[in-house]
Protein backbone atom coordinates (compact mmCIF):
# COMPACT_ATOMS: atom_id res chain seq x y z
CA UNK A 1 -23.14 -73.48 33.78
CA UNK A 2 -25.57 -74.71 30.83
CA UNK A 3 -26.09 -72.74 28.18
CA UNK A 4 -24.52 -69.89 28.48
CA UNK A 5 -25.25 -66.93 26.25
CA UNK A 6 -22.73 -66.17 23.86
CA UNK A 7 -25.44 -66.73 21.14
CA UNK A 8 -27.44 -64.50 22.72
CA UNK A 9 -24.90 -61.29 22.15
CA UNK A 10 -24.94 -62.19 18.23
CA UNK A 11 -28.58 -62.18 17.72
CA UNK A 12 -31.00 -60.82 15.48
CA UNK A 13 -31.33 -56.81 16.69
CA UNK A 14 -35.05 -57.25 16.36
CA UNK A 15 -34.83 -59.66 19.51
CA UNK A 16 -33.35 -57.64 22.24
CA UNK A 17 -36.20 -57.19 25.01
CA UNK A 18 -38.55 -59.58 26.90
CA UNK A 19 -41.50 -57.62 28.65
CA UNK A 20 -43.15 -59.40 31.75
CA UNK A 21 -46.38 -57.12 32.29
CA UNK A 22 -47.79 -57.67 36.27
CA UNK A 23 -49.72 -56.22 38.14
CA UNK A 24 -48.59 -56.42 41.94
CA UNK A 25 -44.95 -56.30 42.58
CA UNK A 26 -44.89 -58.49 45.79
CA UNK A 27 -45.82 -61.31 43.21
CA UNK A 28 -43.10 -59.98 40.31
CA UNK A 29 -42.48 -63.51 39.20
CA UNK A 30 -45.36 -65.94 40.70
CA UNK A 31 -47.66 -67.23 38.73
CA UNK A 32 -51.51 -68.62 39.64
CA UNK A 33 -50.47 -72.24 38.76
CA UNK A 34 -47.90 -71.91 41.58
CA UNK A 35 -50.61 -71.07 44.17
CA UNK A 36 -51.86 -73.81 46.91
CA UNK A 37 -55.09 -75.35 45.82
CA UNK A 38 -56.91 -73.19 48.91
CA UNK A 39 -55.21 -69.99 47.70
CA UNK A 40 -56.55 -70.05 44.13
CA UNK A 41 -60.09 -68.83 44.69
CA UNK A 42 -58.84 -65.94 46.64
CA UNK A 43 -56.10 -64.98 44.61
CA UNK A 44 -58.51 -65.19 41.42
CA UNK A 45 -61.24 -63.05 43.16
CA UNK A 46 -58.69 -60.79 43.87
CA UNK A 47 -57.43 -60.15 40.65
CA UNK A 48 -60.80 -59.77 39.15
CA UNK A 49 -62.12 -57.72 42.12
CA UNK A 50 -58.95 -55.01 41.20
CA UNK A 51 -59.65 -55.44 37.53
CA UNK A 52 -55.60 -56.50 36.96
CA UNK A 53 -54.32 -57.91 33.70
CA UNK A 54 -56.71 -60.26 31.62
CA UNK A 55 -58.73 -59.83 34.88
CA UNK A 56 -61.96 -61.77 32.94
CA UNK A 57 -60.51 -64.89 32.96
CA UNK A 58 -59.99 -65.18 36.63
CA UNK A 59 -64.22 -64.14 37.11
CA UNK A 60 -65.84 -66.96 38.36
CA UNK A 61 -67.53 -67.71 35.29
CA UNK A 62 -64.41 -68.28 33.29
CA UNK A 63 -61.92 -69.02 35.84
CA UNK A 64 -62.42 -73.30 36.25
CA UNK A 65 -61.97 -73.17 32.30
CA UNK A 66 -58.63 -71.15 32.05
CA UNK A 67 -57.55 -73.10 34.58
CA UNK A 68 -58.10 -76.18 33.26
CA UNK A 69 -56.74 -75.16 29.94
CA UNK A 70 -53.56 -73.30 31.55
CA UNK A 71 -52.63 -76.69 33.23
CA UNK A 72 -53.28 -79.21 30.36
CA UNK A 73 -50.61 -76.69 28.20
CA UNK A 74 -48.13 -76.07 31.30
CA UNK A 75 -47.86 -79.92 31.46
CA UNK A 76 -47.39 -80.07 27.29
CA UNK A 77 -44.55 -77.45 27.52
CA UNK A 78 -42.93 -79.87 30.12
CA UNK A 79 -43.47 -82.72 28.23
CA UNK A 80 -42.68 -81.93 25.26
CA UNK A 81 -39.42 -79.99 26.08
CA UNK A 82 -38.32 -82.72 28.26
CA UNK A 83 -38.56 -85.63 26.13
CA UNK A 84 -37.14 -83.81 23.03
CA UNK A 85 -34.44 -81.73 24.57
CA UNK A 86 -33.63 -82.76 28.20
CA UNK A 87 -34.51 -81.85 31.47
CA UNK A 88 -36.09 -78.29 33.16
CA UNK A 89 -34.95 -77.06 36.55
CA UNK A 90 -38.87 -76.25 37.50
CA UNK A 91 -42.11 -77.98 36.54
CA UNK A 92 -43.70 -74.65 35.84
CA UNK A 93 -42.50 -71.67 34.15
CA UNK A 94 -42.45 -68.08 34.43
CA UNK A 95 -43.47 -66.09 31.39
CA UNK A 96 -42.55 -63.65 29.31
CA UNK A 97 -43.08 -61.75 25.56
CA UNK A 98 -40.87 -61.18 23.09
CA UNK A 99 -42.30 -58.90 20.32
CA UNK A 100 -39.50 -58.35 17.91
CA UNK A 101 -37.95 -54.59 17.50
CA UNK A 102 -39.99 -53.47 20.80
CA UNK A 103 -39.15 -50.16 22.53
CA UNK A 104 -40.24 -48.32 25.40
CA UNK A 105 -43.34 -46.55 23.89
CA UNK A 106 -44.62 -49.85 21.85
CA UNK A 107 -44.15 -51.66 25.93
CA UNK A 108 -46.15 -49.06 27.29
CA UNK A 109 -48.98 -49.00 24.38
CA UNK A 110 -49.05 -52.57 24.72
CA UNK A 111 -49.60 -52.42 28.34
CA UNK A 112 -52.23 -49.64 28.16
CA UNK A 113 -54.15 -51.55 25.47
CA UNK A 114 -55.69 -54.00 27.77
CA UNK A 115 -57.61 -50.94 29.53
CA UNK A 116 -59.95 -51.29 26.77
CA UNK A 117 -61.31 -54.54 28.70
CA UNK A 118 -61.80 -52.78 32.10
CA UNK A 119 -58.31 -53.47 33.10
CA UNK A 120 -56.44 -51.29 35.41
CA UNK A 121 -52.75 -50.72 33.37
CA UNK A 122 -50.11 -53.04 34.32
CA UNK A 123 -46.67 -52.81 35.26
CA UNK A 124 -44.03 -53.18 32.42
CA UNK A 125 -40.66 -54.85 33.74
CA UNK A 126 -38.21 -55.17 30.77
CA UNK A 127 -35.23 -57.78 30.42
CA UNK A 128 -32.35 -57.65 27.99
CA UNK A 129 -31.80 -61.11 26.96
CA UNK A 130 -28.18 -59.87 26.71
CA UNK A 131 -28.66 -59.95 30.90
CA UNK A 132 -29.74 -63.39 30.66
CA UNK A 133 -26.61 -65.57 32.07
CA UNK A 134 -27.65 -68.88 31.18
CA UNK A 135 -30.82 -69.91 28.89
CA UNK A 136 -30.59 -74.18 29.59
CA UNK A 137 -33.72 -73.75 31.25
CA UNK A 138 -35.47 -71.14 28.90
CA UNK A 139 -37.58 -71.95 25.85
CA UNK A 140 -40.17 -70.27 23.65
CA UNK A 141 -43.19 -70.72 21.60
CA UNK A 142 -44.61 -69.15 18.47
CA UNK A 143 -47.15 -66.71 19.85
CA UNK A 144 -48.51 -67.26 23.45
CA UNK A 145 -48.69 -71.04 24.35
CA UNK A 146 -52.53 -71.02 24.81
CA UNK A 147 -52.58 -69.60 21.19
CA UNK A 148 -49.63 -72.28 19.90
CA UNK A 149 -51.41 -74.91 21.58
CA UNK A 150 -55.21 -74.36 20.76
CA UNK A 151 -55.20 -77.25 18.27
CA UNK A 152 -53.88 -79.99 20.63
CA UNK A 153 -56.04 -78.41 23.84
CA UNK A 154 -58.85 -78.95 21.67
CA UNK A 155 -58.21 -82.06 20.46
CA UNK A 156 -57.89 -82.93 24.80
CA UNK A 157 -61.43 -82.04 24.77
CA UNK A 158 -60.94 -78.60 26.68
CA UNK A 159 -62.61 -75.79 25.88
CA UNK A 160 -61.03 -72.60 24.28
CA UNK A 161 -62.87 -69.74 24.30
CA UNK A 162 -62.75 -67.40 21.25
CA UNK A 163 -64.03 -69.68 18.62
CA UNK A 164 -65.09 -66.48 16.51
CA UNK A 165 -61.32 -65.47 15.59
CA UNK A 166 -59.61 -68.63 15.21
CA UNK A 167 -55.76 -68.29 14.79
CA UNK A 168 -53.83 -69.97 12.05
CA UNK A 169 -52.20 -73.49 12.88
CA UNK A 170 -48.77 -72.37 11.88
CA UNK A 171 -46.26 -75.06 11.10
CA UNK A 172 -44.50 -74.47 14.51
CA UNK A 173 -47.49 -74.35 16.81
CA UNK A 174 -48.18 -77.12 19.14
CA UNK A 175 -43.86 -77.15 19.86
CA UNK A 176 -41.99 -75.76 22.46
CA UNK A 177 -37.91 -74.75 21.18
CA UNK A 178 -35.05 -74.14 23.10
CA UNK A 179 -34.29 -70.56 23.53
CA UNK A 180 -30.96 -71.16 21.36
CA UNK A 181 -33.40 -71.97 18.35
CA UNK A 182 -35.37 -68.41 18.79
CA UNK A 183 -33.55 -66.78 15.92
CA UNK A 184 -33.43 -69.72 13.52
CA UNK A 185 -37.59 -69.89 14.04
CA UNK A 186 -37.74 -66.00 13.71
CA UNK A 187 -36.06 -65.85 10.31
CA UNK A 188 -39.09 -68.21 9.00
CA UNK A 189 -41.41 -65.45 10.40
CA UNK A 190 -40.28 -62.28 10.59
CA UNK A 191 -41.92 -60.98 7.21
CA UNK A 192 -45.18 -61.66 9.37
CA UNK A 193 -46.94 -59.75 12.67
CA UNK A 194 -45.17 -62.72 14.93
CA UNK A 195 -44.45 -62.82 18.64
CA UNK A 196 -43.10 -65.05 20.59
CA UNK A 197 -44.04 -66.40 24.29
CA UNK A 198 -40.64 -66.88 26.74
CA UNK A 199 -41.04 -69.61 29.15
CA UNK A 200 -38.45 -69.65 32.22
CA UNK A 201 -37.98 -72.46 34.45
CA UNK A 202 -35.33 -71.09 36.52
CA UNK A 203 -36.65 -69.33 39.58
CA UNK A 204 -32.75 -68.34 41.04
CA UNK A 205 -31.64 -67.35 37.31
CA UNK A 206 -35.24 -64.59 37.58
CA UNK A 207 -33.86 -63.66 41.28
CA UNK A 208 -30.34 -62.56 39.73
CA UNK A 209 -31.45 -61.30 36.21
CA UNK A 210 -31.44 -57.51 35.68
CA UNK A 211 -34.78 -55.75 34.73
CA UNK A 212 -36.39 -52.32 33.93
CA UNK A 213 -39.82 -51.57 35.14
CA UNK A 214 -40.53 -48.52 33.21
CA UNK A 215 -41.70 -45.53 34.84
CA UNK A 216 -39.82 -46.75 37.93
CA UNK A 217 -36.66 -45.96 39.38
CA UNK A 218 -34.86 -48.83 41.67
CA UNK A 219 -32.18 -47.40 44.07
CA UNK A 220 -31.04 -50.19 45.19
CA UNK A 221 -29.61 -51.17 41.72
CA UNK A 222 -28.52 -48.17 39.61
CA UNK A 223 -27.51 -50.52 37.10
CA UNK A 224 -31.20 -51.52 35.51
CA UNK A 225 -30.87 -51.76 31.98
CA UNK A 226 -32.26 -48.94 29.59
CA UNK A 227 -34.21 -49.59 26.54
CA UNK A 228 -34.01 -48.00 23.09
CA UNK A 229 -36.10 -45.13 21.98
CA UNK A 230 -38.02 -45.06 18.94
């Protein structure tokens, strides 16, 4: 079965929930990288016109730069992980975020925070890490992968927007880790305002993992997990 989650049950209480922001439930665990070449512009145009989550990067003015940067980072994540730790089930990941000590109000506030850019408020999906049956194909980076791999992206000659706010390069940036190392890495940075990006490289695992969508009830699965309140 791979890396069963025995270690997850004993993880730091700060590291209990993954959050996934999405625009359309029809494409819940689909990413632009999975789309065929003929579909990319149509999908990007739709996200941009509807002002979905982080829509400016899908607008015509930024689209090609963003997609080039995204493809570079995703290829680097896959190559780095498989070289150091072993195989992954898929070539492209589905992304979650892990914010230490996350609560339901905080998750909703994160979603509302992006509306200052004109976005419509996204849906918020939560997964309790205890419900992940197998983490053999789950990885993470310190901060989101675009921030973590920013130095290497620039070294590859690929433009990174936002140069006015250059993030500090931390010792564990430009690296990807197995999920089993999350608590170990977190101990080094827990005194700082750090978050993590979680990459899931197993689509079948996602299909059977329990989750909760905040503000919605799923009558087909009354056992969806709840999240603790403040």
